[in-house]
């Protein structure tokens, strides 16, 4: 995969450091998540990348990826796409609620901004239809300059849809596990199938068989001979967290994964052939487990990194901060407002707190309690072993990460204020100021390490003297240099918007450091150079 096609320009180069040897534990991700997919007039497979805010085209023969709509364009969060009769690409921009047309020469036209959480999209000749991914959603026909025409209402979260052989539009109800259809000319919607496993995309193969993808961890594909015997088959596959599918002229099925990105060809028996490799969609928080495994909060999942391989440990939507403790537990925060504790050996997940306002960084103390940066309320809170919640500090600007030292003292980074502070029951003591967007922090050997995302570097701050030292430069964190991107509202229609970037750092038991390079979708491992 050519490096210039990764999401961070120049991602083939490693950061510079005089004191640390730096390597990638994972390769940079060529597709920053993969959502809606469709074949274009040129025969390439076009991929909408919701988190990245970009659309890429994949040559299925070579696996080469070319960015055709970059994240500095008008589209903020492309979730699905379809091609019209004239070769124009139509795009659902989920978070801001827009539908776009991109002509073959690259010009954009706003089709509609009157659709709430538009997701699934289908073109029927010159007509364009979309549905809404929300409770009580609708199926609509959209035309530039006209009011949307409602075809169906009451969707229990719609998603990828397609025109069937009978001329009807087919779409899933994700919450209820159903597939429905409606005529493009309106009329009463009809239930087609129920008890379908976690349906996320409805597609028809070249033979007219109804194919429904599951968004679950099991990678299930359900096939229904809708216009023949009515028989149903269920096949577990090898792709977790599927989002969409497209069939080529030879009836080969290609699938995307919102959880891990990549593109795979999925055979009828569920086996997967990798076309574009999967990878990390963030990563955001990162933590080193006592077993040697590295865990990452990867937006749609808790992922682990072992021997260069990324595995989906659990599908946990909107995961951000991650920490481990001496008992081997993993703690993580969610943009939904939850704090959870995970037992890796037993795969048991316990919710420790709910309804926090955008909790981000999390750290574990020796007594088993947790410290959490509650970014949305400007607080640092503690969660005791019995789940009792207490406020450690408040009236902060934008706290994003926390770290504890050997004496269980708590440090917090404040991204907007540009500070790192020591917080305890007595108040807040400034440790460093004048930083540019500090995010991830970790304490190691009497020094505080800070990912200063505004300057794309790692700082070390001596906690005894306050002396600073630049440990690594040119980190692939945040947006690529020179790129601006509007940040949509955090929540619209009850759904989180595009995740707020968070570059974490963690210390390992061997004195090494791990950094989530969320600008390219990798984890960096930093080991001290020998002093010769």
Protein backbone atom coordinates (compact mmCIF):
# COMPACT_ATOMS: atom_id res chain seq x y z
CA UNK A 1 0.00 0.00 0.00
CA UNK A 2 1.49 3.32 -1.05
CA UNK A 3 2.27 5.51 1.98
CA UNK A 4 0.93 8.70 0.42
CA UNK A 5 -2.53 7.13 0.39
CA UNK A 6 -2.61 6.71 4.14
CA UNK A 7 -4.71 9.23 6.01
CA UNK A 8 -1.69 11.12 7.39
CA UNK A 9 0.58 12.62 4.76
CA UNK A 10 4.07 11.25 4.99
CA UNK A 11 3.00 8.46 7.33
CA UNK A 12 5.77 6.23 5.96
CA UNK A 13 8.26 8.19 8.10
CA UNK A 14 8.71 7.44 11.78
CA UNK A 15 8.92 10.25 14.36
CA UNK A 16 12.37 11.56 15.24
CA UNK A 17 13.98 10.97 18.64
CA UNK A 18 17.53 11.05 19.99
CA UNK A 19 16.81 9.16 23.22
CA UNK A 20 14.30 6.56 22.06
CA UNK A 21 14.16 3.87 19.41
CA UNK A 22 10.72 4.12 17.82
CA UNK A 23 8.87 1.44 15.90
CA UNK A 24 5.29 0.81 14.87
CA UNK A 25 3.52 -2.04 16.62
CA UNK A 26 0.93 -1.84 13.83
CA UNK A 27 1.08 -0.57 10.30
CA UNK A 28 -0.61 2.71 9.42
CA UNK A 29 -4.20 2.08 8.35
CA UNK A 30 -4.91 2.75 4.64
CA UNK A 31 -8.67 2.94 5.33
CA UNK A 32 -9.65 4.85 8.46
CA UNK A 33 -12.62 2.60 8.99
CA UNK A 34 -14.76 1.49 6.05
CA UNK A 35 -18.48 2.03 5.83
CA UNK A 36 -20.60 2.32 2.68
CA UNK A 37 -19.11 0.76 -0.45
CA UNK A 38 -20.20 0.80 -4.09
CA UNK A 39 -18.67 0.08 -7.48
CA UNK A 40 -18.04 3.18 -9.55
CA UNK A 41 -18.26 3.59 -13.32
CA UNK A 42 -14.50 2.96 -13.55
CA UNK A 43 -14.85 -0.48 -11.94
CA UNK A 44 -13.14 0.49 -8.72
CA UNK A 45 -14.75 -0.01 -5.31
CA UNK A 46 -15.49 3.32 -3.61
CA UNK A 47 -15.36 3.37 0.19
CA UNK A 48 -16.97 5.94 2.50
CA UNK A 49 -14.98 6.43 5.71
CA UNK A 50 -17.21 7.98 8.35
CA UNK A 51 -14.57 8.65 11.01
CA UNK A 52 -11.99 9.92 8.53
CA UNK A 53 -14.33 12.23 6.66
CA UNK A 54 -13.00 10.97 3.34
CA UNK A 55 -13.84 8.66 0.44
CA UNK A 56 -11.32 6.38 -1.24
CA UNK A 57 -11.32 4.21 -4.35
CA UNK A 58 -9.86 0.70 -4.24
CA UNK A 59 -8.41 -1.20 -7.17
CA UNK A 60 -9.49 -4.73 -6.28
CA UNK A 61 -6.77 -6.28 -8.41
CA UNK A 62 -3.80 -4.53 -6.84
CA UNK A 63 -5.32 -3.38 -3.54
CA UNK A 64 -4.13 0.18 -4.25
CA UNK A 65 -6.11 2.88 -2.46
CA UNK A 66 -6.62 6.39 -3.85
CA UNK A 67 -8.24 9.18 -1.87
CA UNK A 68 -10.87 10.86 -4.07
CA UNK A 69 -12.69 12.97 -1.46
CA UNK A 70 -10.37 14.23 1.26
CA UNK A 71 -11.25 15.32 4.78
CA UNK A 72 -10.77 19.02 4.02
CA UNK A 73 -13.68 19.00 1.55
CA UNK A 74 -17.34 19.83 2.21
CA UNK A 75 -18.27 16.30 3.37
CA UNK A 76 -17.75 15.84 7.10
CA UNK A 77 -18.81 12.27 7.86
CA UNK A 78 -19.60 10.20 4.73
CA UNK A 79 -21.42 7.04 5.73
CA UNK A 80 -22.79 5.60 2.51
CA UNK A 81 -22.65 6.29 -1.22
CA UNK A 82 -24.26 5.31 -4.50
CA UNK A 83 -23.78 6.18 -8.17
CA UNK A 84 -26.40 7.72 -10.43
CA UNK A 85 -27.04 7.02 -14.09
CA UNK A 86 -24.72 9.83 -15.19
CA UNK A 87 -21.81 8.61 -13.04
CA UNK A 88 -22.36 11.13 -10.26
CA UNK A 89 -21.61 9.98 -6.74
CA UNK A 90 -24.31 10.59 -4.11
CA UNK A 91 -23.15 10.68 -0.49
CA UNK A 92 -24.93 10.62 2.86
CA UNK A 93 -23.17 12.94 5.32
CA UNK A 94 -24.53 11.48 8.53
CA UNK A 95 -23.60 13.79 11.39
CA UNK A 96 -24.52 17.20 9.90
CA UNK A 97 -27.54 15.68 8.14
CA UNK A 98 -26.72 16.37 4.50
CA UNK A 99 -26.87 14.57 1.17
CA UNK A 100 -24.30 15.52 -1.48
CA UNK A 101 -23.84 15.00 -5.20
CA UNK A 102 -20.32 14.83 -6.61
CA UNK A 103 -20.20 15.05 -10.39
CA UNK A 104 -17.67 13.02 -12.42
CA UNK A 105 -15.50 16.15 -12.70
CA UNK A 106 -15.36 16.50 -8.89
CA UNK A 107 -17.84 19.36 -8.32
CA UNK A 108 -20.07 19.17 -5.23
CA UNK A 109 -23.74 20.14 -4.98
CA UNK A 110 -25.83 19.99 -1.81
CA UNK A 111 -28.85 17.82 -2.57
CA UNK A 112 -30.56 18.19 0.82
CA UNK A 113 -29.88 19.32 4.36
CA UNK A 114 -33.34 18.33 5.61
CA UNK A 115 -32.62 14.69 6.46
CA UNK A 116 -31.91 13.67 10.05
CA UNK A 117 -28.95 11.26 10.34
CA UNK A 118 -29.00 10.16 6.67
CA UNK A 119 -27.38 6.77 6.19
CA UNK A 120 -28.55 4.28 3.57
CA UNK A 121 -28.71 5.58 0.00
CA UNK A 122 -29.81 4.13 -3.34
CA UNK A 123 -30.09 5.49 -6.86
CA UNK A 124 -32.89 4.39 -9.20
CA UNK A 125 -32.14 5.95 -12.56
CA UNK A 126 -32.06 9.68 -11.90
CA UNK A 127 -33.89 9.38 -8.58
CA UNK A 128 -32.10 9.35 -5.20
CA UNK A 129 -33.44 7.72 -2.03
CA UNK A 130 -32.07 7.84 1.50
CA UNK A 131 -33.08 6.54 4.92
CA UNK A 132 -32.41 7.77 8.43
CA UNK A 133 -30.36 6.00 11.10
CA UNK A 134 -32.49 7.00 14.07
CA UNK A 135 -35.45 5.76 16.03
CA UNK A 136 -38.58 6.81 14.14
CA UNK A 137 -36.56 7.35 10.97
CA UNK A 138 -37.86 7.73 7.45
CA UNK A 139 -37.23 6.61 3.87
CA UNK A 140 -37.20 9.65 1.60
CA UNK A 141 -36.69 10.66 -2.00
CA UNK A 142 -34.43 13.71 -2.20
CA UNK A 143 -34.18 16.16 -5.09
CA UNK A 144 -32.14 19.38 -5.17
CA UNK A 145 -34.29 22.43 -4.48
CA UNK A 146 -37.35 20.42 -3.41
CA UNK A 147 -38.80 19.17 -0.15
CA UNK A 148 -37.93 15.53 0.56
CA UNK A 149 -40.76 13.11 -0.25
CA UNK A 150 -41.50 10.68 2.58
CA UNK A 151 -42.04 7.07 1.47
CA UNK A 152 -41.97 5.32 4.84
CA UNK A 153 -41.79 6.26 8.52
CA UNK A 154 -41.15 4.57 11.86
CA UNK A 155 -37.81 2.98 10.98
CA UNK A 156 -35.99 1.50 13.95
CA UNK A 157 -32.66 2.88 12.74
CA UNK A 158 -32.20 2.40 9.01
CA UNK A 159 -28.97 1.64 7.21
CA UNK A 160 -27.64 0.36 3.89
CA UNK A 161 -30.47 -0.29 1.42
CA UNK A 162 -30.86 -1.39 -2.18
CA UNK A 163 -33.39 -1.68 -4.98
CA UNK A 164 -34.61 -5.25 -5.27
CA UNK A 165 -35.44 -7.28 -8.41
CA UNK A 166 -39.13 -6.51 -7.82
CA UNK A 167 -38.54 -2.76 -8.04
CA UNK A 168 -38.94 -2.09 -4.30
CA UNK A 169 -36.45 -0.49 -1.92
CA UNK A 170 -35.23 -2.88 0.78
CA UNK A 171 -33.80 -1.63 4.10
CA UNK A 172 -33.06 -2.92 7.59
CA UNK A 173 -34.49 -1.96 10.96
CA UNK A 174 -31.30 -2.36 13.00
CA UNK A 175 -32.93 -2.32 16.43
CA UNK A 176 -35.72 -4.83 15.75
CA UNK A 177 -33.78 -7.23 13.51
CA UNK A 178 -36.12 -6.83 10.55
CA UNK A 179 -35.97 -6.15 6.82
CA UNK A 180 -38.70 -4.05 5.18
CA UNK A 181 -39.47 -2.89 1.66
CA UNK A 182 -41.40 -0.03 0.08
CA UNK A 183 -42.16 1.02 -3.47
CA UNK A 184 -40.14 4.01 -4.79
CA UNK A 185 -43.52 5.51 -5.65
CA UNK A 186 -44.82 5.20 -2.10
CA UNK A 187 -47.44 2.99 -0.53
CA UNK A 188 -47.60 0.85 2.58
CA UNK A 189 -44.19 -0.55 3.68
CA UNK A 190 -44.05 -4.33 4.04
CA UNK A 191 -42.17 -6.54 6.50
CA UNK A 192 -40.02 -8.96 4.50
CA UNK A 193 -37.97 -10.79 7.13
CA UNK A 194 -37.73 -10.82 10.91
CA UNK A 195 -35.38 -12.34 13.49
CA UNK A 196 -32.39 -11.38 11.35
CA UNK A 197 -29.15 -11.18 13.31
CA UNK A 198 -28.13 -7.51 13.92
CA UNK A 199 -28.94 -6.39 10.33
CA UNK A 200 -26.87 -3.49 9.05
CA UNK A 201 -26.92 -3.81 5.25
CA UNK A 202 -29.40 -5.26 2.76
CA UNK A 203 -28.01 -6.35 -0.60
CA UNK A 204 -29.05 -8.53 -3.55
CA UNK A 205 -26.54 -10.73 -5.32
CA UNK A 206 -26.48 -11.13 -9.09
CA UNK A 207 -28.92 -14.04 -8.83
CA UNK A 208 -31.47 -11.98 -6.92
CA UNK A 209 -30.87 -13.60 -3.53
CA UNK A 210 -31.46 -11.30 -0.55
CA UNK A 211 -28.24 -10.96 1.47
CA UNK A 212 -28.23 -9.31 4.90
CA UNK A 213 -25.02 -8.45 6.75
CA UNK A 214 -24.71 -8.47 10.53
CA UNK A 215 -22.88 -5.69 12.35
CA UNK A 216 -22.08 -8.07 15.21
CA UNK A 217 -18.84 -9.63 16.30
CA UNK A 218 -19.72 -13.00 14.75
CA UNK A 219 -19.67 -11.74 11.15
CA UNK A 220 -22.96 -13.43 10.28
CA UNK A 221 -24.40 -13.31 6.75
CA UNK A 222 -28.06 -14.22 6.26
CA UNK A 223 -29.26 -15.28 2.79
CA UNK A 224 -32.94 -15.58 1.87
CA UNK A 225 -34.28 -16.98 -1.40
CA UNK A 226 -37.03 -14.38 -1.32
CA UNK A 227 -38.41 -14.90 -4.83
CA UNK A 228 -38.07 -18.67 -4.90
CA UNK A 229 -38.27 -21.26 -2.16
CA UNK A 230 -38.11 -18.76 0.70
CA UNK A 231 -35.29 -20.78 2.28
CA UNK A 232 -32.99 -18.99 4.69
CA UNK A 233 -29.34 -19.79 5.44
CA UNK A 234 -27.11 -18.29 8.11
CA UNK A 235 -23.33 -18.39 7.66
CA UNK A 236 -20.83 -17.14 10.28
CA UNK A 237 -18.02 -15.25 8.58
CA UNK A 238 -14.53 -14.05 9.34
CA UNK A 239 -15.18 -10.28 9.29
CA UNK A 240 -16.25 -8.69 12.56
CA UNK A 241 -18.30 -5.51 12.67
CA UNK A 242 -19.36 -5.53 9.04
CA UNK A 243 -20.97 -2.41 7.61
CA UNK A 244 -21.71 -2.87 3.93
CA UNK A 245 -21.32 -5.10 0.88
CA UNK A 246 -21.09 -4.87 -2.90
CA UNK A 247 -21.27 -7.58 -5.57
CA UNK A 248 -19.14 -7.37 -8.70
CA UNK A 249 -20.06 -8.61 -12.19
CA UNK A 250 -18.83 -12.10 -11.29
CA UNK A 251 -21.06 -12.14 -8.17
CA UNK A 252 -18.12 -11.91 -5.79
CA UNK A 253 -19.11 -10.23 -2.54
CA UNK A 254 -16.85 -7.59 -1.01
CA UNK A 255 -17.48 -6.33 2.50
CA UNK A 256 -16.38 -3.42 4.68
CA UNK A 257 -15.89 -3.21 8.44
CA UNK A 258 -16.80 -0.14 10.47
CA UNK A 259 -14.87 -1.63 13.39
CA UNK A 260 -11.51 -2.31 11.74
CA UNK A 261 -11.59 -0.82 8.25
CA UNK A 262 -10.22 -2.76 5.33
CA UNK A 263 -11.97 -4.52 2.47
CA UNK A 264 -12.37 -8.29 2.18
CA UNK A 265 -13.83 -10.67 -0.35
CA UNK A 266 -16.24 -12.94 1.51
CA UNK A 267 -16.88 -16.37 0.02
CA UNK A 268 -20.28 -18.13 0.32
CA UNK A 269 -18.95 -20.29 3.17
CA UNK A 270 -17.83 -17.24 5.17
CA UNK A 271 -14.11 -17.35 4.50
CA UNK A 272 -12.49 -13.96 3.96
CA UNK A 273 -9.74 -12.95 1.55
CA UNK A 274 -8.08 -9.69 2.47
CA UNK A 275 -8.01 -7.05 -0.27
CA UNK A 276 -7.16 -3.98 1.82
CA UNK A 277 -5.79 -4.80 5.28
CA UNK A 278 -7.69 -3.92 8.42
CA UNK A 279 -6.17 -1.78 11.16
CA UNK A 280 -6.95 0.65 13.94
CA UNK A 281 -9.73 3.20 13.41
CA UNK A 282 -8.33 5.49 16.13
CA UNK A 283 -6.58 4.55 18.21
CA UNK A 284 -7.35 6.80 21.16
CA UNK A 285 -6.43 5.58 24.65
CA UNK A 286 -3.64 3.02 24.92
CA UNK A 287 -2.54 0.82 27.84
CA UNK A 288 0.10 -1.83 28.49
CA UNK A 289 -1.26 -4.96 30.18
CA UNK A 290 0.84 -7.05 32.56
CA UNK A 291 0.66 -9.93 30.04
CA UNK A 292 2.51 -7.82 27.49
CA UNK A 293 -0.57 -7.21 25.37
CA UNK A 294 -1.29 -3.60 24.43
CA UNK A 295 -4.93 -2.51 24.60
CA UNK A 296 -6.41 0.38 22.66
CA UNK A 297 -9.70 2.24 22.81
CA UNK A 298 -10.48 2.15 19.10
CA UNK A 299 -13.78 4.05 18.84
CA UNK A 300 -16.00 1.10 17.90
CA UNK A 301 -14.18 -1.52 19.94
CA UNK A 302 -11.70 -2.49 22.58
CA UNK A 303 -8.77 -3.76 20.51
CA UNK A 304 -5.60 -5.53 21.49
CA UNK A 305 -2.24 -5.49 19.77
CA UNK A 306 -0.04 -8.55 20.05
CA UNK A 307 2.88 -9.52 17.80
CA UNK A 308 1.93 -6.80 15.35
CA UNK A 309 -1.62 -8.10 14.95
CA UNK A 310 -4.74 -6.13 15.89
CA UNK A 311 -7.68 -8.12 17.27
CA UNK A 312 -11.15 -6.99 18.19
CA UNK A 313 -11.44 -8.01 21.83
CA UNK A 314 -14.98 -6.64 22.23
CA UNK A 315 -17.23 -4.46 20.09
CA UNK A 316 -17.81 -1.49 22.42
CA UNK A 317 -19.07 1.52 20.52
CA UNK A 318 -17.37 4.89 21.07
CA UNK A 319 -14.52 3.59 23.26
CA UNK A 320 -11.95 6.25 24.11
CA UNK A 321 -9.67 6.07 27.18
CA UNK A 322 -8.08 2.82 28.38
CA UNK A 323 -6.10 1.85 31.50
CA UNK A 324 -4.98 -1.38 33.12
CA UNK A 325 -4.38 -2.22 36.79
CA UNK A 326 -2.23 -4.60 38.84
CA UNK A 327 -5.04 -7.18 38.91
CA UNK A 328 -5.01 -7.49 35.13
CA UNK A 329 -8.29 -5.65 34.59
CA UNK A 330 -8.85 -3.20 31.73
CA UNK A 331 -10.81 0.01 32.31
CA UNK A 332 -12.23 2.11 29.51
CA UNK A 333 -14.39 5.13 28.89
CA UNK A 334 -17.05 5.67 26.24
CA UNK A 335 -18.13 8.82 24.46
CA UNK A 336 -21.65 7.72 25.39
CA UNK A 337 -20.80 8.56 29.02
CA UNK A 338 -19.97 5.13 30.47
CA UNK A 339 -16.95 3.89 32.39
CA UNK A 340 -16.49 0.11 32.27
CA UNK A 341 -14.18 -2.53 33.68
CA UNK A 342 -13.27 -5.55 31.57
CA UNK A 343 -11.88 -8.90 32.72
CA UNK A 344 -9.83 -10.13 29.71
CA UNK A 345 -9.60 -13.77 30.78
CA UNK A 346 -13.32 -14.21 31.39
CA UNK A 347 -14.51 -11.55 28.94
CA UNK A 348 -16.73 -10.07 31.63
CA UNK A 349 -17.70 -6.42 31.29
CA UNK A 350 -18.98 -4.36 34.22
CA UNK A 351 -20.36 -0.83 33.97
CA UNK A 352 -18.88 1.31 36.75
CA UNK A 353 -20.49 4.69 35.94
CA UNK A 354 -23.12 6.05 33.56
CA UNK A 355 -24.19 9.41 32.20
CA UNK A 356 -20.87 11.16 32.57
CA UNK A 357 -20.30 13.98 30.09
CA UNK A 358 -17.73 12.80 27.56
CA UNK A 359 -15.34 10.92 29.85
CA UNK A 360 -11.97 10.58 28.15
CA UNK A 361 -8.80 9.62 30.05
CA UNK A 362 -8.86 7.02 32.83
CA UNK A 363 -6.23 5.78 35.29
CA UNK A 364 -6.23 3.12 38.02
CA UNK A 365 -4.93 3.59 41.56
CA UNK A 366 -3.39 0.84 43.68
CA UNK A 367 -6.49 0.56 45.87
CA UNK A 368 -8.57 -0.36 42.81
CA UNK A 369 -10.29 2.99 42.44
CA UNK A 370 -10.38 4.83 39.13
CA UNK A 371 -9.66 8.43 38.22
CA UNK A 372 -11.49 9.79 35.16
CA UNK A 373 -11.21 13.03 33.19
CA UNK A 374 -14.81 14.10 32.56
CA UNK A 375 -14.13 16.42 29.66
CA UNK A 376 -17.67 17.61 29.08
CA UNK A 377 -18.15 18.91 32.63
CA UNK A 378 -14.62 20.12 33.23
CA UNK A 379 -14.10 17.72 36.12
CA UNK A 380 -11.87 14.95 37.39
CA UNK A 381 -13.85 12.29 39.22
CA UNK A 382 -12.97 9.16 41.15
CA UNK A 383 -14.85 5.86 41.10
CA UNK A 384 -14.35 3.64 44.16
CA UNK A 385 -14.34 -0.16 44.07
CA UNK A 386 -17.99 -0.05 45.16
CA UNK A 387 -18.68 2.33 42.23
CA UNK A 388 -19.25 5.35 44.47
CA UNK A 389 -18.44 8.48 42.47
CA UNK A 390 -16.73 11.54 43.95
CA UNK A 391 -15.43 14.79 42.45
CA UNK A 392 -11.69 15.29 42.80
CA UNK A 393 -11.45 18.58 40.86
CA UNK A 394 -13.85 20.81 38.96
CA UNK A 395 -14.06 24.09 37.04
CA UNK A 396 -11.35 22.93 34.65
CA UNK A 397 -11.46 24.06 31.03
CA UNK A 398 -11.08 20.84 29.04
CA UNK A 399 -9.48 17.99 31.01
CA UNK A 400 -8.71 15.10 28.66
CA UNK A 401 -6.32 12.68 30.37
CA UNK A 402 -5.25 11.62 33.83
CA UNK A 403 -2.25 9.74 35.21
CA UNK A 404 -1.19 8.60 38.67
CA UNK A 405 2.34 8.28 40.03
CA UNK A 406 3.81 5.78 42.51
CA UNK A 407 2.22 7.63 45.41
CA UNK A 408 -1.20 7.61 43.70
CA UNK A 409 -1.05 11.34 43.13
CA UNK A 410 -3.20 12.40 40.18
CA UNK A 411 -2.15 14.55 37.22
CA UNK A 412 -4.51 15.95 34.60
CA UNK A 413 -3.92 17.47 31.16
CA UNK A 414 -6.14 20.34 30.04
CA UNK A 415 -6.22 20.60 26.26
CA UNK A 416 -7.72 24.08 25.88
CA UNK A 417 -5.89 25.65 28.83
CA UNK A 418 -2.58 24.15 27.64
CA UNK A 419 -1.66 22.92 31.12
CA UNK A 420 -0.85 19.87 33.17
CA UNK A 421 -1.76 20.03 36.86
CA UNK A 422 -1.52 17.99 40.04
CA UNK A 423 -4.95 17.57 41.59
CA UNK A 424 -5.90 16.29 45.04
CA UNK A 425 -8.36 16.98 47.81
CA UNK A 426 -6.51 20.19 48.66
CA UNK A 427 -6.78 21.79 45.23
CA UNK A 428 -4.97 22.15 41.93
CA UNK A 429 -1.24 22.81 41.55
CA UNK A 430 0.15 23.80 38.17
CA UNK A 431 2.90 21.52 36.84
CA UNK A 432 3.31 22.92 33.32
CA UNK A 433 1.69 25.64 31.24
CA UNK A 434 2.05 27.11 27.76
CA UNK A 435 1.54 23.74 26.12
CA UNK A 436 -0.31 23.44 22.82
CA UNK A 437 -3.21 20.99 23.05
CA UNK A 438 -1.74 18.52 25.56
CA UNK A 439 -3.63 15.23 25.56
CA UNK A 440 -2.23 11.87 26.68
CA UNK A 441 -0.06 11.82 29.82
CA UNK A 442 1.86 9.11 31.71
CA UNK A 443 4.25 9.04 34.68
CA UNK A 444 7.48 7.05 34.45
CA UNK A 445 10.62 7.20 36.63
CA UNK A 446 9.89 10.60 38.13
CA UNK A 447 9.00 12.19 34.79
CA UNK A 448 5.68 13.13 33.30
CA UNK A 449 5.35 12.37 29.59
CA UNK A 450 2.90 14.49 27.60
CA UNK A 451 1.65 14.11 24.04
CA UNK A 452 1.53 17.75 22.91
CA UNK A 453 -0.68 17.31 19.88
CA UNK A 454 -0.59 20.97 18.83
CA UNK A 455 3.15 20.67 18.20
CA UNK A 456 3.05 16.95 17.33
CA UNK A 457 5.68 16.02 19.90
CA UNK A 458 6.27 14.09 23.11
CA UNK A 459 7.51 16.06 26.10
CA UNK A 460 9.15 14.84 29.29
CA UNK A 461 8.70 17.01 32.39
CA UNK A 462 10.87 16.38 35.45
CA UNK A 463 8.40 16.35 38.35
CA UNK A 464 11.08 17.47 40.83
CA UNK A 465 12.59 20.37 38.87
CA UNK A 466 9.99 21.19 36.20
CA UNK A 467 12.64 20.87 33.49
CA UNK A 468 11.25 20.00 30.06
CA UNK A 469 12.78 17.94 27.29
CA UNK A 470 11.47 17.07 23.83
CA UNK A 471 11.56 13.28 23.50
CA UNK A 472 10.06 12.77 20.02
CA UNK A 473 9.01 15.00 17.16
CA UNK A 474 6.77 14.71 14.11
CA UNK A 475 4.20 12.45 15.74
CA UNK A 476 1.28 11.46 13.52
CA UNK A 477 -1.38 12.72 15.93
CA UNK A 478 -4.47 14.77 15.18
CA UNK A 479 -5.20 16.11 11.72
CA UNK A 480 -2.43 16.29 9.10
CA UNK A 481 -0.57 19.63 9.12
CA UNK A 482 -2.37 22.32 7.15
CA UNK A 483 -5.70 20.49 7.28
CA UNK A 484 -8.79 22.06 8.80
CA UNK A 485 -11.96 20.18 9.56
CA UNK A 486 -15.20 21.34 11.13
CA UNK A 487 -16.04 19.49 14.32
CA UNK A 488 -19.72 18.49 14.27
CA UNK A 489 -21.85 18.62 17.40
CA UNK A 490 -21.07 15.81 19.83
CA UNK A 491 -24.61 14.47 19.82
CA UNK A 492 -27.33 14.81 17.20
CA UNK A 493 -30.56 12.81 17.09
CA UNK A 494 -29.36 10.88 20.14
CA UNK A 495 -26.22 9.65 18.36
CA UNK A 496 -22.62 10.66 19.00
CA UNK A 497 -20.99 12.64 16.23
CA UNK A 498 -17.56 12.09 14.79
CA UNK A 499 -15.27 11.11 17.70
CA UNK A 500 -13.11 13.81 19.21
CA UNK A 501 -9.47 12.82 18.57
CA UNK A 502 -7.46 11.73 21.61
CA UNK A 503 -3.80 10.70 21.45
CA UNK A 504 -2.93 8.60 24.49
CA UNK A 505 0.39 7.53 25.96
CA UNK A 506 1.13 4.70 28.38
CA UNK A 507 4.17 3.35 30.22
CA UNK A 508 5.08 -0.31 30.13
CA UNK A 509 6.52 -2.34 33.00
CA UNK A 510 9.88 -2.48 31.17
CA UNK A 511 10.20 1.32 31.03
CA UNK A 512 9.10 1.68 27.43
CA UNK A 513 6.32 3.94 26.19
CA UNK A 514 3.37 3.45 23.88
CA UNK A 515 1.69 6.25 21.92
CA UNK A 516 -1.57 6.07 19.99
CA UNK A 517 -0.71 7.69 16.66
CA UNK A 518 -4.31 8.47 15.83
CA UNK A 519 -3.36 10.49 12.77
CA UNK A 520 -2.34 7.34 10.89
CA UNK A 521 -4.01 4.47 12.75
CA UNK A 522 -1.01 2.91 14.47
CA UNK A 523 0.53 2.35 17.90
CA UNK A 524 4.11 3.52 18.40
CA UNK A 525 6.50 1.71 20.74
CA UNK A 526 9.34 3.78 22.23
CA UNK A 527 12.34 2.06 23.87
CA UNK A 528 15.25 3.90 25.42
CA UNK A 529 18.45 3.87 23.46
CA UNK A 530 21.40 2.30 25.24
CA UNK A 531 23.78 4.84 26.75
CA UNK A 532 27.11 4.09 25.17
